[in-house]
Amino acid sequence: MEMGDQGTYTVFTLGEDGIGGTPGMPQAGVPPHWSTVLAVDDCDAAVVTASQSGGTAIMEPFDTPIGRMAVISDPTGAMFQLIAMNEQPS
């Protein structure tokens, strides 16, 4: 899937369900890395819940071609992403 100026994003599927994905190489200066992305029904609401539970929004919710995402840090500093997936074409 093309993501405009963000390159290509490959979605991994199990049957017809999207269960994971990977972008192309990271931007200059960012080393290759893994990141956990958790699917949620409502990204904005999940960020509020995470913040109320001691987490910090590193990147507030933003729209991408695949869904609305945010980057969260838990109280120990571990980072993960949230995504509310858009409807994907069949």
PDB file of N, CA and C in Angstrom:
ATOM      1  N   MET A   1       0.848  -1.165   0.000  1.00  0.00           N
ATOM      2  CA  MET A   1       0.000   0.000   0.000  1.00  0.00           C
ATOM      3  C   MET A   1       0.899   1.236   0.000  1.00  0.00           C
ATOM      4  N   GLU A   2       0.605   2.166  -0.891  1.00  0.00           N
ATOM      5  CA  GLU A   2       1.367   3.409  -0.945  1.00  0.00           C
ATOM      6  C   GLU A   2       0.871   4.383   0.111  1.00  0.00           C
ATOM      7  N   MET A   3       1.818   5.055   0.776  1.00  0.00           N
ATOM      8  CA  MET A   3       1.461   6.012   1.831  1.00  0.00           C
ATOM      9  C   MET A   3       1.956   7.411   1.468  1.00  0.00           C
ATOM     10  N   GLY A   4       1.889   7.753   0.177  1.00  0.00           N
ATOM     11  CA  GLY A   4       2.303   9.086  -0.256  1.00  0.00           C
ATOM     12  C   GLY A   4       3.776   9.314   0.013  1.00  0.00           C
ATOM     13  N   ASP A   5       4.108  10.447   0.636  1.00  0.00           N
ATOM     14  CA  ASP A   5       5.507  10.768   0.901  1.00  0.00           C
ATOM     15  C   ASP A   5       6.098   9.921   2.026  1.00  0.00           C
ATOM     16  N   GLN A   6       5.276   9.053   2.643  1.00  0.00           N
ATOM     17  CA  GLN A   6       5.770   8.183   3.708  1.00  0.00           C
ATOM     18  C   GLN A   6       6.226   6.834   3.173  1.00  0.00           C
ATOM     19  N   GLY A   7       6.179   6.634   1.848  1.00  0.00           N
ATOM     20  CA  GLY A   7       6.673   5.397   1.256  1.00  0.00           C
ATOM     21  C   GLY A   7       5.608   4.323   1.157  1.00  0.00           C
ATOM     22  N   THR A   8       6.048   3.085   1.256  1.00  0.00           N
ATOM     23  CA  THR A   8       5.173   1.930   1.105  1.00  0.00           C
ATOM     24  C   THR A   8       4.984   1.244   2.445  1.00  0.00           C
ATOM     25  N   TYR A   9       3.786   0.750   2.698  1.00  0.00           N
ATOM     26  CA  TYR A   9       3.482   0.016   3.924  1.00  0.00           C
ATOM     27  C   TYR A   9       2.890  -1.320   3.506  1.00  0.00           C
ATOM     28  N   THR A  10       3.469  -2.408   3.987  1.00  0.00           N
ATOM     29  CA  THR A  10       2.993  -3.750   3.679  1.00  0.00           C
ATOM     30  C   THR A  10       2.155  -4.253   4.841  1.00  0.00           C
ATOM     31  N   VAL A  11       0.919  -4.691   4.554  1.00  0.00           N
ATOM     32  CA  VAL A  11       0.024  -5.230   5.574  1.00  0.00           C
ATOM     33  C   VAL A  11       0.083  -6.750   5.508  1.00  0.00           C
ATOM     34  N   PHE A  12       0.333  -7.392   6.655  1.00  0.00           N
ATOM     35  CA  PHE A  12       0.339  -8.851   6.753  1.00  0.00           C
ATOM     36  C   PHE A  12      -1.074  -9.297   7.096  1.00  0.00           C
ATOM     37  N   THR A  13      -1.543 -10.349   6.431  1.00  0.00           N
ATOM     38  CA  THR A  13      -2.906 -10.807   6.658  1.00  0.00           C
ATOM     39  C   THR A  13      -2.943 -12.272   7.079  1.00  0.00           C
ATOM     40  N   LEU A  14      -3.999 -12.615   7.777  1.00  0.00           N
ATOM     41  CA  LEU A  14      -4.323 -13.995   8.121  1.00  0.00           C
ATOM     42  C   LEU A  14      -5.743 -14.170   7.615  1.00  0.00           C
ATOM     43  N   GLY A  15      -5.886 -14.895   6.513  1.00  0.00           N
ATOM     44  CA  GLY A  15      -7.172 -14.926   5.835  1.00  0.00           C
ATOM     45  C   GLY A  15      -7.427 -13.546   5.266  1.00  0.00           C
ATOM     46  N   GLU A  16      -8.552 -12.964   5.643  1.00  0.00           N
ATOM     47  CA  GLU A  16      -8.872 -11.614   5.174  1.00  0.00           C
ATOM     48  C   GLU A  16      -8.578 -10.539   6.209  1.00  0.00           C
ATOM     49  N   ASP A  17      -8.073 -10.932   7.389  1.00  0.00           N
ATOM     50  CA  ASP A  17      -7.827  -9.984   8.474  1.00  0.00           C
ATOM     51  C   ASP A  17      -6.402  -9.451   8.441  1.00  0.00           C
ATOM     52  N   GLY A  18      -6.261  -8.129   8.529  1.00  0.00           N
ATOM     53  CA  GLY A  18      -4.947  -7.524   8.690  1.00  0.00           C
ATOM     54  C   GLY A  18      -4.473  -7.751  10.111  1.00  0.00           C
ATOM     55  N   ILE A  19      -3.297  -8.366  10.274  1.00  0.00           N
ATOM     56  CA  ILE A  19      -2.802  -8.686  11.617  1.00  0.00           C
ATOM     57  C   ILE A  19      -1.458  -8.038  11.924  1.00  0.00           C
ATOM     58  N   GLY A  20      -0.887  -7.330  10.976  1.00  0.00           N
ATOM     59  CA  GLY A  20       0.395  -6.683  11.207  1.00  0.00           C
ATOM     60  C   GLY A  20       0.824  -5.950   9.962  1.00  0.00           C
ATOM     61  N   GLY A  21       1.968  -5.323  10.038  1.00  0.00           N
ATOM     62  CA  GLY A  21       2.460  -4.610   8.878  1.00  0.00           C
ATOM     63  C   GLY A  21       3.843  -4.066   9.104  1.00  0.00           C
ATOM     64  N   THR A  22       4.431  -3.587   8.038  1.00  0.00           N
ATOM     65  CA  THR A  22       5.763  -3.012   8.118  1.00  0.00           C
ATOM     66  C   THR A  22       5.930  -1.923   7.068  1.00  0.00           C
ATOM     67  N   PRO A  23       6.518  -0.810   7.466  1.00  0.00           N
ATOM     68  CA  PRO A  23       6.817   0.238   6.487  1.00  0.00           C
ATOM     69  C   PRO A  23       8.142  -0.089   5.801  1.00  0.00           C
ATOM     70  N   GLY A  24       8.515   0.748   4.851  1.00  0.00           N
ATOM     71  CA  GLY A  24       9.836   0.636   4.241  1.00  0.00           C
ATOM     72  C   GLY A  24      10.893   1.078   5.247  1.00  0.00           C
ATOM     73  N   MET A  25      12.080   1.335   4.752  1.00  0.00           N
ATOM     74  CA  MET A  25      13.159   1.773   5.639  1.00  0.00           C
ATOM     75  C   MET A  25      12.779   3.076   6.327  1.00  0.00           C
ATOM     76  N   PRO A  26      13.235   3.257   7.583  1.00  0.00           N
ATOM     77  CA  PRO A  26      12.899   4.487   8.320  1.00  0.00           C
ATOM     78  C   PRO A  26      13.564   5.709   7.694  1.00  0.00           C
ATOM     79  N   GLN A  27      13.143   6.872   8.150  1.00  0.00           N
ATOM     80  CA  GLN A  27      13.698   8.134   7.675  1.00  0.00           C
ATOM     81  C   GLN A  27      15.179   8.229   8.023  1.00  0.00           C
ATOM     82  N   ALA A  28      15.886   9.075   7.306  1.00  0.00           N
ATOM     83  CA  ALA A  28      17.306   9.279   7.560  1.00  0.00           C
ATOM     84  C   ALA A  28      17.529   9.617   9.029  1.00  0.00           C
ATOM     85  N   GLY A  29      18.524   9.004   9.638  1.00  0.00           N
ATOM     86  CA  GLY A  29      18.855   9.264  11.025  1.00  0.00           C
ATOM     87  C   GLY A  29      18.114   8.388  12.019  1.00  0.00           C
ATOM     88  N   VAL A  30      17.106   7.640  11.557  1.00  0.00           N
ATOM     89  CA  VAL A  30      16.365   6.735  12.439  1.00  0.00           C
ATOM     90  C   VAL A  30      16.832   5.319  12.141  1.00  0.00           C
ATOM     91  N   PRO A  31      17.404   4.628  13.125  1.00  0.00           N
ATOM     92  CA  PRO A  31      17.889   3.271  12.865  1.00  0.00           C
ATOM     93  C   PRO A  31      16.725   2.302  12.657  1.00  0.00           C
ATOM     94  N   PRO A  32      16.938   1.222  11.912  1.00  0.00           N
ATOM     95  CA  PRO A  32      15.891   0.205  11.789  1.00  0.00           C
ATOM     96  C   PRO A  32      15.486  -0.285  13.183  1.00  0.00           C
ATOM     97  N   HIS A  33      14.194  -0.535  13.373  1.00  0.00           N
ATOM     98  CA  HIS A  33      13.701  -0.954  14.687  1.00  0.00           C
ATOM     99  C   HIS A  33      12.341  -1.622  14.542  1.00  0.00           C
ATOM    100  N   TRP A  34      11.907  -2.304  15.590  1.00  0.00           N
ATOM    101  CA  TRP A  34      10.567  -2.885  15.665  1.00  0.00           C
ATOM    102  C   TRP A  34       9.727  -1.994  16.560  1.00  0.00           C
ATOM    103  N   SER A  35       8.451  -1.931  16.295  1.00  0.00           N
ATOM    104  CA  SER A  35       7.534  -1.189  17.141  1.00  0.00           C
ATOM    105  C   SER A  35       6.237  -1.975  17.254  1.00  0.00           C
ATOM    106  N   THR A  36       5.719  -2.076  18.445  1.00  0.00           N
ATOM    107  CA  THR A  36       4.441  -2.744  18.654  1.00  0.00           C
ATOM    108  C   THR A  36       3.321  -1.764  18.338  1.00  0.00           C
ATOM    109  N   VAL A  37       2.372  -2.222  17.530  1.00  0.00           N
ATOM    110  CA  VAL A  37       1.209  -1.408  17.187  1.00  0.00           C
ATOM    111  C   VAL A  37      -0.031  -2.168  17.632  1.00  0.00           C
ATOM    112  N   LEU A  38      -0.835  -1.534  18.452  1.00  0.00           N
ATOM    113  CA  LEU A  38      -2.053  -2.154  18.970  1.00  0.00           C
ATOM    114  C   LEU A  38      -3.271  -1.561  18.278  1.00  0.00           C
ATOM    115  N   ALA A  39      -4.137  -2.420  17.740  1.00  0.00           N
ATOM    116  CA  ALA A  39      -5.357  -1.958  17.086  1.00  0.00           C
ATOM    117  C   ALA A  39      -6.396  -1.601  18.140  1.00  0.00           C
ATOM    118  N   VAL A  40      -7.030  -0.462  17.953  1.00  0.00           N
ATOM    119  CA  VAL A  40      -8.091   0.016  18.837  1.00  0.00           C
ATOM    120  C   VAL A  40      -9.270   0.477  17.982  1.00  0.00           C
ATOM    121  N   ASP A  41     -10.434   0.559  18.593  1.00  0.00           N
ATOM    122  CA  ASP A  41     -11.613   1.026  17.860  1.00  0.00           C
ATOM    123  C   ASP A  41     -11.590   2.539  17.661  1.00  0.00           C
ATOM    124  N   ASP A  42     -11.084   3.277  18.649  1.00  0.00           N
ATOM    125  CA  ASP A  42     -11.086   4.740  18.620  1.00  0.00           C
ATOM    126  C   ASP A  42      -9.744   5.225  19.163  1.00  0.00           C
ATOM    127  N   CYS A  43      -8.880   5.687  18.271  1.00  0.00           N
ATOM    128  CA  CYS A  43      -7.520   6.089  18.665  1.00  0.00           C
ATOM    129  C   CYS A  43      -7.545   7.252  19.661  1.00  0.00           C
ATOM    130  N   ASP A  44      -8.375   8.250  19.405  1.00  0.00           N
ATOM    131  CA  ASP A  44      -8.410   9.417  20.292  1.00  0.00           C
ATOM    132  C   ASP A  44      -8.841   9.029  21.704  1.00  0.00           C
ATOM    133  N   ALA A  45      -9.862   8.180  21.805  1.00  0.00           N
ATOM    134  CA  ALA A  45     -10.330   7.730  23.120  1.00  0.00           C
ATOM    135  C   ALA A  45      -9.269   6.875  23.812  1.00  0.00           C
ATOM    136  N   ALA A  46      -8.561   6.050  23.052  1.00  0.00           N
ATOM    137  CA  ALA A  46      -7.520   5.200  23.639  1.00  0.00           C
ATOM    138  C   ALA A  46      -6.361   6.041  24.173  1.00  0.00           C
ATOM    139  N   VAL A  47      -6.041   7.149  23.514  1.00  0.00           N
ATOM    140  CA  VAL A  47      -4.985   8.040  24.009  1.00  0.00           C
ATOM    141  C   VAL A  47      -5.412   8.672  25.328  1.00  0.00           C
ATOM    142  N   VAL A  48      -6.667   9.069  25.430  1.00  0.00           N
ATOM    143  CA  VAL A  48      -7.185   9.628  26.695  1.00  0.00           C
ATOM    144  C   VAL A  48      -7.064   8.583  27.804  1.00  0.00           C
ATOM    145  N   THR A  49      -7.487   7.350  27.523  1.00  0.00           N
ATOM    146  CA  THR A  49      -7.407   6.280  28.520  1.00  0.00           C
ATOM    147  C   THR A  49      -5.962   6.019  28.922  1.00  0.00           C
ATOM    148  N   ALA A  50      -5.061   5.964  27.946  1.00  0.00           N
ATOM    149  CA  ALA A  50      -3.643   5.740  28.249  1.00  0.00           C
ATOM    150  C   ALA A  50      -3.098   6.864  29.124  1.00  0.00           C
ATOM    151  N   SER A  51      -3.451   8.092  28.820  1.00  0.00           N
ATOM    152  CA  SER A  51      -2.985   9.241  29.611  1.00  0.00           C
ATOM    153  C   SER A  51      -3.522   9.190  31.034  1.00  0.00           C
ATOM    154  N   GLN A  52      -4.778   8.803  31.190  1.00  0.00           N
ATOM    155  CA  GLN A  52      -5.380   8.690  32.523  1.00  0.00           C
ATOM    156  C   GLN A  52      -4.774   7.542  33.322  1.00  0.00           C
ATOM    157  N   SER A  53      -4.131   6.610  32.616  1.00  0.00           N
ATOM    158  CA  SER A  53      -3.516   5.443  33.273  1.00  0.00           C
ATOM    159  C   SER A  53      -2.020   5.628  33.497  1.00  0.00           C
ATOM    160  N   GLY A  54      -1.513   6.846  33.271  1.00  0.00           N
ATOM    161  CA  GLY A  54      -0.108   7.129  33.535  1.00  0.00           C
ATOM    162  C   GLY A  54       0.772   7.173  32.306  1.00  0.00           C
ATOM    163  N   GLY A  55       0.217   6.924  31.132  1.00  0.00           N
ATOM    164  CA  GLY A  55       0.990   6.992  29.899  1.00  0.00           C
ATOM    165  C   GLY A  55       1.107   8.424  29.406  1.00  0.00           C
ATOM    166  N   THR A  56       1.955   8.615  28.396  1.00  0.00           N
ATOM    167  CA  THR A  56       2.171   9.926  27.800  1.00  0.00           C
ATOM    168  C   THR A  56       2.059   9.806  26.292  1.00  0.00           C
ATOM    169  N   ALA A  57       1.333  10.704  25.669  1.00  0.00           N
ATOM    170  CA  ALA A  57       1.248  10.729  24.210  1.00  0.00           C
ATOM    171  C   ALA A  57       2.519  11.383  23.670  1.00  0.00           C
ATOM    172  N   ILE A  58       3.374  10.589  23.034  1.00  0.00           N
ATOM    173  CA  ILE A  58       4.597  11.103  22.408  1.00  0.00           C
ATOM    174  C   ILE A  58       4.227  11.791  21.098  1.00  0.00           C
ATOM    175  N   MET A  59       3.292  11.193  20.362  1.00  0.00           N
ATOM    176  CA  MET A  59       2.715  11.804  19.157  1.00  0.00           C
ATOM    177  C   MET A  59       1.202  11.698  19.298  1.00  0.00           C
ATOM    178  N   GLU A  60       0.535  12.821  19.370  1.00  0.00           N
ATOM    179  CA  GLU A  60      -0.929  12.848  19.455  1.00  0.00           C
ATOM    180  C   GLU A  60      -1.516  12.169  18.217  1.00  0.00           C
ATOM    181  N   PRO A  61      -2.771  11.736  18.251  1.00  0.00           N
ATOM    182  CA  PRO A  61      -3.376  11.055  17.111  1.00  0.00           C
ATOM    183  C   PRO A  61      -3.220  11.842  15.805  1.00  0.00           C
ATOM    184  N   PHE A  62      -2.887  11.104  14.751  1.00  0.00           N
ATOM    185  CA  PHE A  62      -2.718  11.689  13.418  1.00  0.00           C
ATOM    186  C   PHE A  62      -3.254  10.702  12.388  1.00  0.00           C
ATOM    187  N   ASP A  63      -3.661  11.224  11.240  1.00  0.00           N
ATOM    188  CA  ASP A  63      -4.239  10.400  10.189  1.00  0.00           C
ATOM    189  C   ASP A  63      -3.177   9.922   9.209  1.00  0.00           C
ATOM    190  N   THR A  64      -3.286   8.657   8.820  1.00  0.00           N
ATOM    191  CA  THR A  64      -2.439   8.063   7.782  1.00  0.00           C
ATOM    192  C   THR A  64      -3.379   7.387   6.781  1.00  0.00           C
ATOM    193  N   PRO A  65      -2.870   6.971   5.631  1.00  0.00           N
ATOM    194  CA  PRO A  65      -3.729   6.263   4.679  1.00  0.00           C
ATOM    195  C   PRO A  65      -4.297   4.943   5.224  1.00  0.00           C
ATOM    196  N   ILE A  66      -3.668   4.360   6.245  1.00  0.00           N
ATOM    197  CA  ILE A  66      -4.160   3.081   6.767  1.00  0.00           C
ATOM    198  C   ILE A  66      -5.011   3.228   8.022  1.00  0.00           C
ATOM    199  N   GLY A  67      -4.973   4.398   8.648  1.00  0.00           N
ATOM    200  CA  GLY A  67      -5.780   4.606   9.841  1.00  0.00           C
ATOM    201  C   GLY A  67      -5.277   5.759  10.683  1.00  0.00           C
ATOM    202  N   ARG A  68      -5.947   5.995  11.795  1.00  0.00           N
ATOM    203  CA  ARG A  68      -5.565   7.061  12.730  1.00  0.00           C
ATOM    204  C   ARG A  68      -4.646   6.455  13.780  1.00  0.00           C
ATOM    205  N   MET A  69      -3.461   7.051  13.954  1.00  0.00           N
ATOM    206  CA  MET A  69      -2.423   6.492  14.816  1.00  0.00           C
ATOM    207  C   MET A  69      -1.987   7.477  15.892  1.00  0.00           C
ATOM    208  N   ALA A  70      -1.338   6.942  16.922  1.00  0.00           N
ATOM    209  CA  ALA A  70      -0.703   7.743  17.964  1.00  0.00           C
ATOM    210  C   ALA A  70       0.473   6.934  18.506  1.00  0.00           C
ATOM    211  N   VAL A  71       1.435   7.628  19.101  1.00  0.00           N
ATOM    212  CA  VAL A  71       2.569   6.971  19.746  1.00  0.00           C
ATOM    213  C   VAL A  71       2.490   7.289  21.228  1.00  0.00           C
ATOM    214  N   ILE A  72       2.553   6.236  22.054  1.00  0.00           N
ATOM    215  CA  ILE A  72       2.377   6.347  23.497  1.00  0.00           C
ATOM    216  C   ILE A  72       3.627   5.834  24.203  1.00  0.00           C
ATOM    217  N   SER A  73       3.932   6.429  25.347  1.00  0.00           N
ATOM    218  CA  SER A  73       4.979   5.931  26.240  1.00  0.00           C
ATOM    219  C   SER A  73       4.294   5.528  27.539  1.00  0.00           C
ATOM    220  N   ASP A  74       4.585   4.318  28.015  1.00  0.00           N
ATOM    221  CA  ASP A  74       3.980   3.903  29.287  1.00  0.00           C
ATOM    222  C   ASP A  74       4.766   4.533  30.439  1.00  0.00           C
ATOM    223  N   PRO A  75       4.316   4.379  31.688  1.00  0.00           N
ATOM    224  CA  PRO A  75       4.994   5.037  32.814  1.00  0.00           C
ATOM    225  C   PRO A  75       6.464   4.650  32.980  1.00  0.00           C
ATOM    226  N   THR A  76       6.895   3.506  32.421  1.00  0.00           N
ATOM    227  CA  THR A  76       8.306   3.109  32.530  1.00  0.00           C
ATOM    228  C   THR A  76       9.137   3.584  31.356  1.00  0.00           C
ATOM    229  N   GLY A  77       8.483   4.210  30.351  1.00  0.00           N
ATOM    230  CA  GLY A  77       9.209   4.711  29.185  1.00  0.00           C
ATOM    231  C   GLY A  77       9.111   3.826  27.955  1.00  0.00           C
ATOM    232  N   ALA A  78       8.508   2.640  28.085  1.00  0.00           N
ATOM    233  CA  ALA A  78       8.340   1.769  26.922  1.00  0.00           C
ATOM    234  C   ALA A  78       7.360   2.417  25.946  1.00  0.00           C
ATOM    235  N   MET A  79       7.688   2.389  24.657  1.00  0.00           N
ATOM    236  CA  MET A  79       6.847   3.041  23.666  1.00  0.00           C
ATOM    237  C   MET A  79       6.103   2.014  22.819  1.00  0.00           C
ATOM    238  N   PHE A  80       4.907   2.377  22.398  1.00  0.00           N
ATOM    239  CA  PHE A  80       4.108   1.562  21.490  1.00  0.00           C
ATOM    240  C   PHE A  80       3.197   2.499  20.713  1.00  0.00           C
ATOM    241  N   GLN A  81       2.576   1.955  19.678  1.00  0.00           N
ATOM    242  CA  GLN A  81       1.681   2.755  18.848  1.00  0.00           C
ATOM    243  C   GLN A  81       0.260   2.205  18.934  1.00  0.00           C
ATOM    244  N   LEU A  82      -0.698   3.079  18.713  1.00  0.00           N
ATOM    245  CA  LEU A  82      -2.101   2.702  18.624  1.00  0.00           C
ATOM    246  C   LEU A  82      -2.585   3.020  17.218  1.00  0.00           C
ATOM    247  N   ILE A  83      -3.506   2.192  16.703  1.00  0.00           N
ATOM    248  CA  ILE A  83      -4.097   2.503  15.402  1.00  0.00           C
ATOM    249  C   ILE A  83      -5.559   2.082  15.381  1.00  0.00           C
ATOM    250  N   ALA A  84      -6.387   2.971  14.854  1.00  0.00           N
ATOM    251  CA  ALA A  84      -7.772   2.651  14.511  1.00  0.00           C
ATOM    252  C   ALA A  84      -7.760   2.528  12.990  1.00  0.00           C
ATOM    253  N   MET A  85      -7.821   1.310  12.503  1.00  0.00           N
ATOM    254  CA  MET A  85      -7.666   1.037  11.077  1.00  0.00           C
ATOM    255  C   MET A  85      -8.825   1.618  10.269  1.00  0.00           C
ATOM    256  N   ASN A  86      -8.492   2.151   9.087  1.00  0.00           N
ATOM    257  CA  ASN A  86      -9.512   2.522   8.109  1.00  0.00           C
ATOM    258  C   ASN A  86     -10.048   1.253   7.480  1.00  0.00           C
ATOM    259  N   GLU A  87     -11.215   1.339   6.863  1.00  0.00           N
ATOM    260  CA  GLU A  87     -11.712   0.218   6.076  1.00  0.00           C
ATOM    261  C   GLU A  87     -10.720  -0.020   4.940  1.00  0.00           C
ATOM    262  N   GLN A  88     -10.291  -1.263   4.765  1.00  0.00           N
ATOM    263  CA  GLN A  88      -9.336  -1.592   3.713  1.00  0.00           C
ATOM    264  C   GLN A  88     -10.088  -2.168   2.513  1.00  0.00           C
ATOM    265  N   PRO A  89      -9.672  -1.779   1.296  1.00  0.00           N
ATOM    266  CA  PRO A  89     -10.337  -2.324   0.115  1.00  0.00           C
ATOM    267  C   PRO A  89     -10.098  -3.811  -0.004  1.00  0.00           C
ATOM    268  N   SER A  90     -11.085  -4.551  -0.521  1.00  0.00           N
ATOM    269  CA  SER A  90     -10.932  -5.996  -0.679  1.00  0.00           C
ATOM    270  C   SER A  90     -10.178  -6.328  -1.938  1.00  0.00           C
TER     271      SER A  90
END
